[in-house]
mmCIF file of all heavy atoms, coordinates in Angstrom:
data_MODEL
# 
_entry.id   MODEL 
# 
loop_
_atom_site.group_PDB 
_atom_site.id 
_atom_site.type_symbol 
_atom_site.label_atom_id 
_atom_site.label_alt_id 
_atom_site.label_comp_id 
_atom_site.label_asym_id 
_atom_site.label_entity_id 
_atom_site.label_seq_id 
_atom_site.pdbx_PDB_ins_code 
_atom_site.Cartn_x 
_atom_site.Cartn_y 
_atom_site.Cartn_z 
_atom_site.occupancy 
_atom_site.B_iso_or_equiv 
_atom_site.pdbx_formal_charge 
_atom_site.auth_seq_id 
_atom_site.auth_comp_id 
_atom_site.auth_asym_id 
_atom_site.auth_atom_id 
_atom_site.pdbx_PDB_model_num 
ATOM 1   N N   . ASP A 1 1  ? -32.088 28.071 -7.310  1.00 0.00 ? 1  ASP A N   1 
ATOM 2   C CA  . ASP A 1 1  ? -32.939 27.929 -6.122  1.00 0.00 ? 1  ASP A CA  1 
ATOM 3   C C   . ASP A 1 1  ? -32.140 27.918 -4.817  1.00 0.00 ? 1  ASP A C   1 
ATOM 4   O O   . ASP A 1 1  ? -32.725 27.795 -3.731  1.00 0.00 ? 1  ASP A O   1 
ATOM 5   C CB  . ASP A 1 1  ? -33.769 26.646 -6.227  1.00 0.00 ? 1  ASP A CB  1 
ATOM 6   C CG  . ASP A 1 1  ? -34.764 26.700 -7.391  1.00 0.00 ? 1  ASP A CG  1 
ATOM 7   O OD1 . ASP A 1 1  ? -35.279 27.802 -7.666  1.00 0.00 ? 1  ASP A OD1 1 
ATOM 8   O OD2 . ASP A 1 1  ? -34.996 25.656 -8.036  1.00 0.00 ? 1  ASP A OD2 1 
ATOM 9   N N   . ARG A 1 2  ? -30.834 28.028 -4.903  1.00 0.00 ? 2  ARG A N   1 
ATOM 10  C CA  . ARG A 1 2  ? -30.006 28.004 -3.689  1.00 0.00 ? 2  ARG A CA  1 
ATOM 11  C C   . ARG A 1 2  ? -29.900 29.383 -3.065  1.00 0.00 ? 2  ARG A C   1 
ATOM 12  O O   . ARG A 1 2  ? -30.053 30.409 -3.736  1.00 0.00 ? 2  ARG A O   1 
ATOM 13  C CB  . ARG A 1 2  ? -28.611 27.480 -4.002  1.00 0.00 ? 2  ARG A CB  1 
ATOM 14  C CG  . ARG A 1 2  ? -28.575 26.023 -4.444  1.00 0.00 ? 2  ARG A CG  1 
ATOM 15  C CD  . ARG A 1 2  ? -27.143 25.529 -4.484  1.00 0.00 ? 2  ARG A CD  1 
ATOM 16  N NE  . ARG A 1 2  ? -27.057 24.177 -5.048  1.00 0.00 ? 2  ARG A NE  1 
ATOM 17  C CZ  . ARG A 1 2  ? -25.919 23.496 -5.160  1.00 0.00 ? 2  ARG A CZ  1 
ATOM 18  N NH1 . ARG A 1 2  ? -24.783 24.053 -4.766  1.00 0.00 ? 2  ARG A NH1 1 
ATOM 19  N NH2 . ARG A 1 2  ? -25.912 22.282 -5.681  1.00 0.00 ? 2  ARG A NH2 1 
ATOM 20  N N   . LYS A 1 3  ? -29.574 29.396 -1.778  1.00 0.00 ? 3  LYS A N   1 
ATOM 21  C CA  . LYS A 1 3  ? -29.290 30.646 -1.073  1.00 0.00 ? 3  LYS A CA  1 
ATOM 22  C C   . LYS A 1 3  ? -27.788 30.943 -1.195  1.00 0.00 ? 3  LYS A C   1 
ATOM 23  O O   . LYS A 1 3  ? -26.980 30.020 -1.392  1.00 0.00 ? 3  LYS A O   1 
ATOM 24  C CB  . LYS A 1 3  ? -29.667 30.517 0.404   1.00 0.00 ? 3  LYS A CB  1 
ATOM 25  C CG  . LYS A 1 3  ? -31.154 30.247 0.645   1.00 0.00 ? 3  LYS A CG  1 
ATOM 26  C CD  . LYS A 1 3  ? -31.979 31.478 0.362   1.00 0.00 ? 3  LYS A CD  1 
ATOM 27  C CE  . LYS A 1 3  ? -33.487 31.219 0.499   1.00 0.00 ? 3  LYS A CE  1 
ATOM 28  N NZ  . LYS A 1 3  ? -33.878 30.783 1.850   1.00 0.00 ? 3  LYS A NZ  1 
ATOM 29  N N   . PRO A 1 4  ? -27.392 32.208 -1.084  1.00 0.00 ? 4  PRO A N   1 
ATOM 30  C CA  . PRO A 1 4  ? -25.973 32.578 -1.231  1.00 0.00 ? 4  PRO A CA  1 
ATOM 31  C C   . PRO A 1 4  ? -25.023 31.794 -0.325  1.00 0.00 ? 4  PRO A C   1 
ATOM 32  O O   . PRO A 1 4  ? -23.896 31.489 -0.712  1.00 0.00 ? 4  PRO A O   1 
ATOM 33  C CB  . PRO A 1 4  ? -25.968 34.066 -0.893  1.00 0.00 ? 4  PRO A CB  1 
ATOM 34  C CG  . PRO A 1 4  ? -27.320 34.536 -1.292  1.00 0.00 ? 4  PRO A CG  1 
ATOM 35  C CD  . PRO A 1 4  ? -28.248 33.403 -0.939  1.00 0.00 ? 4  PRO A CD  1 
ATOM 36  N N   . LYS A 1 5  ? -25.475 31.451 0.897   1.00 0.00 ? 5  LYS A N   1 
ATOM 37  C CA  . LYS A 1 5  ? -24.582 30.750 1.827   1.00 0.00 ? 5  LYS A CA  1 
ATOM 38  C C   . LYS A 1 5  ? -24.184 29.368 1.323   1.00 0.00 ? 5  LYS A C   1 
ATOM 39  O O   . LYS A 1 5  ? -23.189 28.800 1.787   1.00 0.00 ? 5  LYS A O   1 
ATOM 40  C CB  . LYS A 1 5  ? -25.240 30.629 3.198   1.00 0.00 ? 5  LYS A CB  1 
ATOM 41  C CG  . LYS A 1 5  ? -26.472 29.733 3.241   1.00 0.00 ? 5  LYS A CG  1 
ATOM 42  C CD  . LYS A 1 5  ? -27.061 29.676 4.641   1.00 0.00 ? 5  LYS A CD  1 
ATOM 43  C CE  . LYS A 1 5  ? -28.297 28.757 4.672   1.00 0.00 ? 5  LYS A CE  1 
ATOM 44  N NZ  . LYS A 1 5  ? -28.899 28.704 6.028   1.00 0.00 ? 5  LYS A NZ  1 
ATOM 45  N N   . ALA A 1 6  ? -24.945 28.812 0.359   1.00 0.00 ? 6  ALA A N   1 
ATOM 46  C CA  . ALA A 1 6  ? -24.644 27.491 -0.184  1.00 0.00 ? 6  ALA A CA  1 
ATOM 47  C C   . ALA A 1 6  ? -23.720 27.562 -1.398  1.00 0.00 ? 6  ALA A C   1 
ATOM 48  O O   . ALA A 1 6  ? -23.453 26.539 -2.040  1.00 0.00 ? 6  ALA A O   1 
ATOM 49  C CB  . ALA A 1 6  ? -25.941 26.778 -0.558  1.00 0.00 ? 6  ALA A CB  1 
ATOM 50  N N   . LEU A 1 7  ? -23.224 28.756 -1.720  1.00 0.00 ? 7  LEU A N   1 
ATOM 51  C CA  . LEU A 1 7  ? -22.380 28.950 -2.900  1.00 0.00 ? 7  LEU A CA  1 
ATOM 52  C C   . LEU A 1 7  ? -20.944 29.260 -2.490  1.00 0.00 ? 7  LEU A C   1 
ATOM 53  O O   . LEU A 1 7  ? -20.688 29.780 -1.403  1.00 0.00 ? 7  LEU A O   1 
ATOM 54  C CB  . LEU A 1 7  ? -22.911 30.108 -3.749  1.00 0.00 ? 7  LEU A CB  1 
ATOM 55  C CG  . LEU A 1 7  ? -24.362 30.026 -4.230  1.00 0.00 ? 7  LEU A CG  1 
ATOM 56  C CD1 . LEU A 1 7  ? -24.700 31.281 -5.017  1.00 0.00 ? 7  LEU A CD1 1 
ATOM 57  C CD2 . LEU A 1 7  ? -24.609 28.777 -5.060  1.00 0.00 ? 7  LEU A CD2 1 
ATOM 58  N N   . SER A 1 8  ? -20.016 28.967 -3.393  1.00 0.00 ? 8  SER A N   1 
ATOM 59  C CA  . SER A 1 8  ? -18.618 29.350 -3.190  1.00 0.00 ? 8  SER A CA  1 
ATOM 60  C C   . SER A 1 8  ? -18.457 30.839 -3.491  1.00 0.00 ? 8  SER A C   1 
ATOM 61  O O   . SER A 1 8  ? -19.362 31.492 -4.034  1.00 0.00 ? 8  SER A O   1 
ATOM 62  C CB  . SER A 1 8  ? -17.712 28.543 -4.117  1.00 0.00 ? 8  SER A CB  1 
ATOM 63  O OG  . SER A 1 8  ? -17.939 28.924 -5.477  1.00 0.00 ? 8  SER A OG  1 
ATOM 64  N N   . GLY A 1 9  ? -17.267 31.384 -3.146  1.00 0.00 ? 9  GLY A N   1 
ATOM 65  C CA  . GLY A 1 9  ? -17.009 32.791 -3.414  1.00 0.00 ? 9  GLY A CA  1 
ATOM 66  C C   . GLY A 1 9  ? -17.115 33.128 -4.895  1.00 0.00 ? 9  GLY A C   1 
ATOM 67  O O   . GLY A 1 9  ? -17.675 34.157 -5.281  1.00 0.00 ? 9  GLY A O   1 
ATOM 68  N N   . GLY A 1 10 ? -16.586 32.263 -5.735  1.00 0.00 ? 10 GLY A N   1 
ATOM 69  C CA  . GLY A 1 10 ? -16.645 32.505 -7.174  1.00 0.00 ? 10 GLY A CA  1 
ATOM 70  C C   . GLY A 1 10 ? -18.063 32.477 -7.704  1.00 0.00 ? 10 GLY A C   1 
ATOM 71  O O   . GLY A 1 10 ? -18.431 33.271 -8.577  1.00 0.00 ? 10 GLY A O   1 
ATOM 72  N N   . GLN A 1 11 ? -18.885 31.559 -7.167  1.00 0.00 ? 11 GLN A N   1 
ATOM 73  C CA  . GLN A 1 11 ? -20.282 31.484 -7.590  1.00 0.00 ? 11 GLN A CA  1 
ATOM 74  C C   . GLN A 1 11 ? -21.064 32.706 -7.126  1.00 0.00 ? 11 GLN A C   1 
ATOM 75  O O   . GLN A 1 11 ? -21.894 33.238 -7.862  1.00 0.00 ? 11 GLN A O   1 
ATOM 76  C CB  . GLN A 1 11 ? -20.912 30.202 -7.037  1.00 0.00 ? 11 GLN A CB  1 
ATOM 77  C CG  . GLN A 1 11 ? -20.387 28.939 -7.705  1.00 0.00 ? 11 GLN A CG  1 
ATOM 78  C CD  . GLN A 1 11 ? -20.712 27.679 -6.924  1.00 0.00 ? 11 GLN A CD  1 
ATOM 79  O OE1 . GLN A 1 11 ? -21.068 27.723 -5.751  1.00 0.00 ? 11 GLN A OE1 1 
ATOM 80  N NE2 . GLN A 1 11 ? -20.604 26.533 -7.596  1.00 0.00 ? 11 GLN A NE2 1 
ATOM 81  N N   . ARG A 1 12 ? -20.776 33.185 -5.925  1.00 0.00 ? 12 ARG A N   1 
ATOM 82  C CA  . ARG A 1 12 ? -21.444 34.390 -5.437  1.00 0.00 ? 12 ARG A CA  1 
ATOM 83  C C   . ARG A 1 12 ? -21.096 35.603 -6.307  1.00 0.00 ? 12 ARG A C   1 
ATOM 84  O O   . ARG A 1 12 ? -21.952 36.451 -6.587  1.00 0.00 ? 12 ARG A O   1 
ATOM 85  C CB  . ARG A 1 12 ? -21.038 34.675 -3.990  1.00 0.00 ? 12 ARG A CB  1 
ATOM 86  C CG  . ARG A 1 12 ? -21.560 33.666 -2.988  1.00 0.00 ? 12 ARG A CG  1 
ATOM 87  C CD  . ARG A 1 12 ? -21.085 33.999 -1.587  1.00 0.00 ? 12 ARG A CD  1 
ATOM 88  N NE  . ARG A 1 12 ? -21.291 32.872 -0.686  1.00 0.00 ? 12 ARG A NE  1 
ATOM 89  C CZ  . ARG A 1 12 ? -20.950 32.874 0.591   1.00 0.00 ? 12 ARG A CZ  1 
ATOM 90  N NH1 . ARG A 1 12 ? -20.374 33.946 1.123   1.00 0.00 ? 12 ARG A NH1 1 
ATOM 91  N NH2 . ARG A 1 12 ? -21.165 31.816 1.348   1.00 0.00 ? 12 ARG A NH2 1 
ATOM 92  N N   . GLN A 1 13 ? -19.852 35.650 -6.744  1.00 0.00 ? 13 GLN A N   1 
ATOM 93  C CA  . GLN A 1 13 ? -19.460 36.763 -7.592  1.00 0.00 ? 13 GLN A CA  1 
ATOM 94  C C   . GLN A 1 13 ? -20.177 36.698 -8.932  1.00 0.00 ? 13 GLN A C   1 
ATOM 95  O O   . GLN A 1 13 ? -20.556 37.728 -9.499  1.00 0.00 ? 13 GLN A O   1 
ATOM 96  C CB  . GLN A 1 13 ? -17.941 36.762 -7.802  1.00 0.00 ? 13 GLN A CB  1 
ATOM 97  C CG  . GLN A 1 13 ? -17.397 38.020 -8.450  1.00 0.00 ? 13 GLN A CG  1 
ATOM 98  C CD  . GLN A 1 13 ? -17.821 39.274 -7.730  1.00 0.00 ? 13 GLN A CD  1 
ATOM 99  O OE1 . GLN A 1 13 ? -18.840 39.880 -8.035  1.00 0.00 ? 13 GLN A OE1 1 
ATOM 100 N NE2 . GLN A 1 13 ? -17.053 39.669 -6.721  1.00 0.00 ? 13 GLN A NE2 1 
ATOM 101 N N   . ARG A 1 14 ? -20.394 35.488 -9.441  1.00 0.00 ? 14 ARG A N   1 
ATOM 102 C CA  . ARG A 1 14 ? -21.139 35.341 -10.694 1.00 0.00 ? 14 ARG A CA  1 
ATOM 103 C C   . ARG A 1 14 ? -22.606 35.745 -10.513 1.00 0.00 ? 14 ARG A C   1 
ATOM 104 O O   . ARG A 1 14 ? -23.219 36.276 -11.439 1.00 0.00 ? 14 ARG A O   1 
ATOM 105 C CB  . ARG A 1 14 ? -21.019 33.911 -11.219 1.00 0.00 ? 14 ARG A CB  1 
ATOM 106 C CG  . ARG A 1 14 ? -19.609 33.537 -11.626 1.00 0.00 ? 14 ARG A CG  1 
ATOM 107 C CD  . ARG A 1 14 ? -19.566 32.553 -12.775 1.00 0.00 ? 14 ARG A CD  1 
ATOM 108 N NE  . ARG A 1 14 ? -20.220 31.296 -12.477 1.00 0.00 ? 14 ARG A NE  1 
ATOM 109 C CZ  . ARG A 1 14 ? -19.645 30.236 -11.877 1.00 0.00 ? 14 ARG A CZ  1 
ATOM 110 N NH1 . ARG A 1 14 ? -18.373 30.346 -11.487 1.00 0.00 ? 14 ARG A NH1 1 
ATOM 111 N NH2 . ARG A 1 14 ? -20.294 29.128 -11.680 1.00 0.00 ? 14 ARG A NH2 1 
ATOM 112 N N   . VAL A 1 15 ? -23.156 35.474 -9.339  1.00 0.00 ? 15 VAL A N   1 
ATOM 113 C CA  . VAL A 1 15 ? -24.532 35.926 -9.059  1.00 0.00 ? 15 VAL A CA  1 
ATOM 114 C C   . VAL A 1 15 ? -24.584 37.455 -9.081  1.00 0.00 ? 15 VAL A C   1 
ATOM 115 O O   . VAL A 1 15 ? -25.505 38.049 -9.649  1.00 0.00 ? 15 VAL A O   1 
ATOM 116 C CB  . VAL A 1 15 ? -25.018 35.390 -7.698  1.00 0.00 ? 15 VAL A CB  1 
ATOM 117 C CG1 . VAL A 1 15 ? -26.396 35.980 -7.368  1.00 0.00 ? 15 VAL A CG1 1 
ATOM 118 C CG2 . VAL A 1 15 ? -25.101 33.865 -7.731  1.00 0.00 ? 15 VAL A CG2 1 
ATOM 119 N N   . ALA A 1 16 ? -23.599 38.093 -8.471  1.00 0.00 ? 16 ALA A N   1 
ATOM 120 C CA  . ALA A 1 16 ? -23.534 39.559 -8.485  1.00 0.00 ? 16 ALA A CA  1 
ATOM 121 C C   . ALA A 1 16 ? -23.421 40.076 -9.920  1.00 0.00 ? 16 ALA A C   1 
ATOM 122 O O   . ALA A 1 16 ? -24.027 41.093 -10.280 1.00 0.00 ? 16 ALA A O   1 
ATOM 123 C CB  . ALA A 1 16 ? -22.360 40.042 -7.644  1.00 0.00 ? 16 ALA A CB  1 
ATOM 124 N N   . MET A 1 17 ? -22.645 39.375 -10.735 1.00 0.00 ? 17 MET A N   1 
ATOM 125 C CA  . MET A 1 17 ? -22.551 39.740 -12.149 1.00 0.00 ? 17 MET A CA  1 
ATOM 126 C C   . MET A 1 17 ? -23.901 39.563 -12.840 1.00 0.00 ? 17 MET A C   1 
ATOM 127 O O   . MET A 1 17 ? -24.329 40.401 -13.640 1.00 0.00 ? 17 MET A O   1 
ATOM 128 C CB  . MET A 1 17 ? -21.507 38.860 -12.838 1.00 0.00 ? 17 MET A CB  1 
ATOM 129 C CG  . MET A 1 17 ? -20.067 39.163 -12.491 1.00 0.00 ? 17 MET A CG  1 
ATOM 130 S SD  . MET A 1 17 ? -19.510 40.682 -13.273 1.00 0.00 ? 17 MET A SD  1 
ATOM 131 C CE  . MET A 1 17 ? -19.668 40.247 -14.994 1.00 0.00 ? 17 MET A CE  1 
ATOM 132 N N   . GLY A 1 18 ? -24.578 38.455 -12.515 1.00 0.00 ? 18 GLY A N   1 
ATOM 133 C CA  . GLY A 1 18 ? -25.881 38.196 -13.130 1.00 0.00 ? 18 GLY A CA  1 
ATOM 134 C C   . GLY A 1 18 ? -26.898 39.259 -12.788 1.00 0.00 ? 18 GLY A C   1 
ATOM 135 O O   . GLY A 1 18 ? -27.712 39.665 -13.631 1.00 0.00 ? 18 GLY A O   1 
ATOM 136 N N   . ARG A 1 19 ? -26.851 39.738 -11.545 1.00 0.00 ? 19 ARG A N   1 
ATOM 137 C CA  . ARG A 1 19 ? -27.769 40.799 -11.117 1.00 0.00 ? 19 ARG A CA  1 
ATOM 138 C C   . ARG A 1 19 ? -27.557 42.060 -11.953 1.00 0.00 ? 19 ARG A C   1 
ATOM 139 O O   . ARG A 1 19 ? -28.507 42.802 -12.237 1.00 0.00 ? 19 ARG A O   1 
ATOM 140 C CB  . ARG A 1 19 ? -27.535 41.086 -9.638  1.00 0.00 ? 19 ARG A CB  1 
ATOM 141 C CG  . ARG A 1 19 ? -28.473 42.106 -9.050  1.00 0.00 ? 19 ARG A CG  1 
ATOM 142 C CD  . ARG A 1 19 ? -28.225 42.255 -7.563  1.00 0.00 ? 19 ARG A CD  1 
ATOM 143 N NE  . ARG A 1 19 ? -26.814 42.536 -7.280  1.00 0.00 ? 19 ARG A NE  1 
ATOM 144 C CZ  . ARG A 1 19 ? -26.272 42.458 -6.069  1.00 0.00 ? 19 ARG A CZ  1 
ATOM 145 N NH1 . ARG A 1 19 ? -27.010 42.091 -5.043  1.00 0.00 ? 19 ARG A NH1 1 
ATOM 146 N NH2 . ARG A 1 19 ? -25.002 42.744 -5.892  1.00 0.00 ? 19 ARG A NH2 1 
ATOM 147 N N   . ALA A 1 20 ? -26.302 42.303 -12.349 1.00 0.00 ? 20 ALA A N   1 
ATOM 148 C CA  . ALA A 1 20 ? -26.012 43.459 -13.204 1.00 0.00 ? 20 ALA A CA  1 
ATOM 149 C C   . ALA A 1 20 ? -26.458 43.208 -14.643 1.00 0.00 ? 20 ALA A C   1 
ATOM 150 O O   . ALA A 1 20 ? -27.033 44.088 -15.296 1.00 0.00 ? 20 ALA A O   1 
ATOM 151 C CB  . ALA A 1 20 ? -24.518 43.768 -13.160 1.00 0.00 ? 20 ALA A CB  1 
ATOM 152 N N   . ILE A 1 21 ? -26.229 41.987 -15.141 1.00 0.00 ? 21 ILE A N   1 
ATOM 153 C CA  . ILE A 1 21 ? -26.520 41.674 -16.542 1.00 0.00 ? 21 ILE A CA  1 
ATOM 154 C C   . ILE A 1 21 ? -28.010 41.773 -16.847 1.00 0.00 ? 21 ILE A C   1 
ATOM 155 O O   . ILE A 1 21 ? -28.416 42.288 -17.901 1.00 0.00 ? 21 ILE A O   1 
ATOM 156 C CB  . ILE A 1 21 ? -25.994 40.268 -16.886 1.00 0.00 ? 21 ILE A CB  1 
ATOM 157 C CG1 . ILE A 1 21 ? -24.462 40.273 -16.901 1.00 0.00 ? 21 ILE A CG1 1 
ATOM 158 C CG2 . ILE A 1 21 ? -26.523 39.798 -18.241 1.00 0.00 ? 21 ILE A CG2 1 
ATOM 159 C CD1 . ILE A 1 21 ? -23.858 38.888 -17.005 1.00 0.00 ? 21 ILE A CD1 1 
ATOM 160 N N   . VAL A 1 22 ? -28.871 41.282 -15.937 1.00 0.00 ? 22 VAL A N   1 
ATOM 161 C CA  . VAL A 1 22 ? -30.305 41.226 -16.230 1.00 0.00 ? 22 VAL A CA  1 
ATOM 162 C C   . VAL A 1 22 ? -30.899 42.614 -16.452 1.00 0.00 ? 22 VAL A C   1 
ATOM 163 O O   . VAL A 1 22 ? -31.956 42.750 -17.084 1.00 0.00 ? 22 VAL A O   1 
ATOM 164 C CB  . VAL A 1 22 ? -31.087 40.512 -15.093 1.00 0.00 ? 22 VAL A CB  1 
ATOM 165 C CG1 . VAL A 1 22 ? -30.625 39.078 -14.968 1.00 0.00 ? 22 VAL A CG1 1 
ATOM 166 C CG2 . VAL A 1 22 ? -30.955 41.249 -13.769 1.00 0.00 ? 22 VAL A CG2 1 
ATOM 167 N N   . ARG A 1 23 ? -30.237 43.641 -15.975 1.00 0.00 ? 23 ARG A N   1 
ATOM 168 C CA  . ARG A 1 23 ? -30.788 44.991 -16.106 1.00 0.00 ? 23 ARG A CA  1 
ATOM 169 C C   . ARG A 1 23 ? -30.539 45.599 -17.483 1.00 0.00 ? 23 ARG A C   1 
ATOM 170 O O   . ARG A 1 23 ? -31.088 46.654 -17.808 1.00 0.00 ? 23 ARG A O   1 
ATOM 171 C CB  . ARG A 1 23 ? -30.182 45.895 -15.022 1.00 0.00 ? 23 ARG A CB  1 
ATOM 172 C CG  . ARG A 1 23 ? -30.564 45.469 -13.614 1.00 0.00 ? 23 ARG A CG  1 
ATOM 173 C CD  . ARG A 1 23 ? -29.882 46.317 -12.571 1.00 0.00 ? 23 ARG A CD  1 
ATOM 174 N NE  . ARG A 1 23 ? -30.187 47.735 -12.747 1.00 0.00 ? 23 ARG A NE  1 
ATOM 175 C CZ  . ARG A 1 23 ? -29.594 48.715 -12.077 1.00 0.00 ? 23 ARG A CZ  1 
ATOM 176 N NH1 . ARG A 1 23 ? -28.656 48.425 -11.190 1.00 0.00 ? 23 ARG A NH1 1 
ATOM 177 N NH2 . ARG A 1 23 ? -29.930 49.968 -12.286 1.00 0.00 ? 23 ARG A NH2 1 
ATOM 178 N N   . ASN A 1 24 ? -29.672 44.954 -18.282 1.00 0.00 ? 24 ASN A N   1 
ATOM 179 C CA  . ASN A 1 24 ? -29.308 45.501 -19.598 1.00 0.00 ? 24 ASN A CA  1 
ATOM 180 C C   . ASN A 1 24 ? -28.903 46.968 -19.506 1.00 0.00 ? 24 ASN A C   1 
ATOM 181 O O   . ASN A 1 24 ? -29.455 47.838 -20.204 1.00 0.00 ? 24 ASN A O   1 
ATOM 182 C CB  . ASN A 1 24 ? -30.476 45.360 -20.596 1.00 0.00 ? 24 ASN A CB  1 
ATOM 183 C CG  . ASN A 1 24 ? -30.777 43.917 -20.932 1.00 0.00 ? 24 ASN A CG  1 
ATOM 184 O OD1 . ASN A 1 24 ? -29.886 43.063 -20.880 1.00 0.00 ? 24 ASN A OD1 1 
ATOM 185 N ND2 . ASN A 1 24 ? -32.029 43.634 -21.265 1.00 0.00 ? 24 ASN A ND2 1 
ATOM 186 N N   . PRO A 1 25 ? -27.941 47.294 -18.651 1.00 0.00 ? 25 PRO A N   1 
ATOM 187 C CA  . PRO A 1 25 ? -27.571 48.700 -18.440 1.00 0.00 ? 25 PRO A CA  1 
ATOM 188 C C   . PRO A 1 25 ? -26.712 49.230 -19.580 1.00 0.00 ? 25 PRO A C   1 
ATOM 189 O O   . PRO A 1 25 ? -26.209 48.466 -20.416 1.00 0.00 ? 25 PRO A O   1 
ATOM 190 C CB  . PRO A 1 25 ? -26.759 48.633 -17.148 1.00 0.00 ? 25 PRO A CB  1 
ATOM 191 C CG  . PRO A 1 25 ? -26.078 47.299 -17.228 1.00 0.00 ? 25 PRO A CG  1 
ATOM 192 C CD  . PRO A 1 25 ? -27.082 46.377 -17.870 1.00 0.00 ? 25 PRO A CD  1 
ATOM 193 N N   . GLN A 1 26 ? -26.517 50.545 -19.573 1.00 0.00 ? 26 GLN A N   1 
ATOM 194 C CA  . GLN A 1 26 ? -25.623 51.153 -20.558 1.00 0.00 ? 26 GLN A CA  1 
ATOM 195 C C   . GLN A 1 26 ? -24.161 50.908 -20.188 1.00 0.00 ? 26 GLN A C   1 
ATOM 196 O O   . GLN A 1 26 ? -23.291 50.964 -21.053 1.00 0.00 ? 26 GLN A O   1 
ATOM 197 C CB  . GLN A 1 26 ? -25.877 52.655 -20.653 1.00 0.00 ? 26 GLN A CB  1 
ATOM 198 C CG  . GLN A 1 26 ? -27.207 53.019 -21.271 1.00 0.00 ? 26 GLN A CG  1 
ATOM 199 C CD  . GLN A 1 26 ? -27.237 54.455 -21.712 1.00 0.00 ? 26 GLN A CD  1 
ATOM 200 O OE1 . GLN A 1 26 ? -26.725 54.824 -22.779 1.00 0.00 ? 26 GLN A OE1 1 
ATOM 201 N NE2 . GLN A 1 26 ? -27.831 55.307 -20.897 1.00 0.00 ? 26 GLN A NE2 1 
ATOM 202 N N   . ALA A 1 27 ? -23.891 50.665 -18.899 1.00 0.00 ? 27 ALA A N   1 
ATOM 203 C CA  . ALA A 1 27 ? -22.508 50.455 -18.469 1.00 0.00 ? 27 ALA A CA  1 
ATOM 204 C C   . ALA A 1 27 ? -22.466 49.582 -17.221 1.00 0.00 ? 27 ALA A C   1 
ATOM 205 O O   . ALA A 1 27 ? -23.353 49.660 -16.368 1.00 0.00 ? 27 ALA A O   1 
ATOM 206 C CB  . ALA A 1 27 ? -21.825 51.788 -18.191 1.00 0.00 ? 27 ALA A CB  1 
ATOM 207 N N   . PHE A 1 28 ? -21.422 48.761 -17.136 1.00 0.00 ? 28 PHE A N   1 
ATOM 208 C CA  . PHE A 1 28 ? -21.110 48.011 -15.923 1.00 0.00 ? 28 PHE A CA  1 
ATOM 209 C C   . PHE A 1 28 ? -20.007 48.753 -15.174 1.00 0.00 ? 28 PHE A C   1 
ATOM 210 O O   . PHE A 1 28 ? -19.010 49.162 -15.776 1.00 0.00 ? 28 PHE A O   1 
ATOM 211 C CB  . PHE A 1 28 ? -20.584 46.603 -16.239 1.00 0.00 ? 28 PHE A CB  1 
ATOM 212 C CG  . PHE A 1 28 ? -21.603 45.666 -16.824 1.00 0.00 ? 28 PHE A CG  1 
ATOM 213 C CD1 . PHE A 1 28 ? -21.234 44.771 -17.813 1.00 0.00 ? 28 PHE A CD1 1 
ATOM 214 C CD2 . PHE A 1 28 ? -22.915 45.657 -16.374 1.00 0.00 ? 28 PHE A CD2 1 
ATOM 215 C CE1 . PHE A 1 28 ? -22.160 43.898 -18.354 1.00 0.00 ? 28 PHE A CE1 1 
ATOM 216 C CE2 . PHE A 1 28 ? -23.844 44.787 -16.912 1.00 0.00 ? 28 PHE A CE2 1 
ATOM 217 C CZ  . PHE A 1 28 ? -23.471 43.903 -17.902 1.00 0.00 ? 28 PHE A CZ  1 
ATOM 218 N N   . LEU A 1 29 ? -20.159 48.907 -13.866 1.00 0.00 ? 29 LEU A N   1 
ATOM 219 C CA  . LEU A 1 29 ? -19.125 49.484 -13.020 1.00 0.00 ? 29 LEU A CA  1 
ATOM 220 C C   . LEU A 1 29 ? -18.726 48.424 -12.001 1.00 0.00 ? 29 LEU A C   1 
ATOM 221 O O   . LEU A 1 29 ? -19.584 47.918 -11.260 1.00 0.00 ? 29 LEU A O   1 
ATOM 222 C CB  . LEU A 1 29 ? -19.628 50.742 -12.303 1.00 0.00 ? 29 LEU A CB  1 
ATOM 223 C CG  . LEU A 1 29 ? -20.337 51.801 -13.172 1.00 0.00 ? 29 LEU A CG  1 
ATOM 224 C CD1 . LEU A 1 29 ? -20.666 53.028 -12.332 1.00 0.00 ? 29 LEU A CD1 1 
ATOM 225 C CD2 . LEU A 1 29 ? -19.502 52.176 -14.379 1.00 0.00 ? 29 LEU A CD2 1 
# 
């Protein structure tokens, strides 16, 4: 429920990873 500005750099990067994971893609770039 937090906004990106309330997260550390490492947490923001994990959010970016999560955005990729939820799509169940054939490949991560």
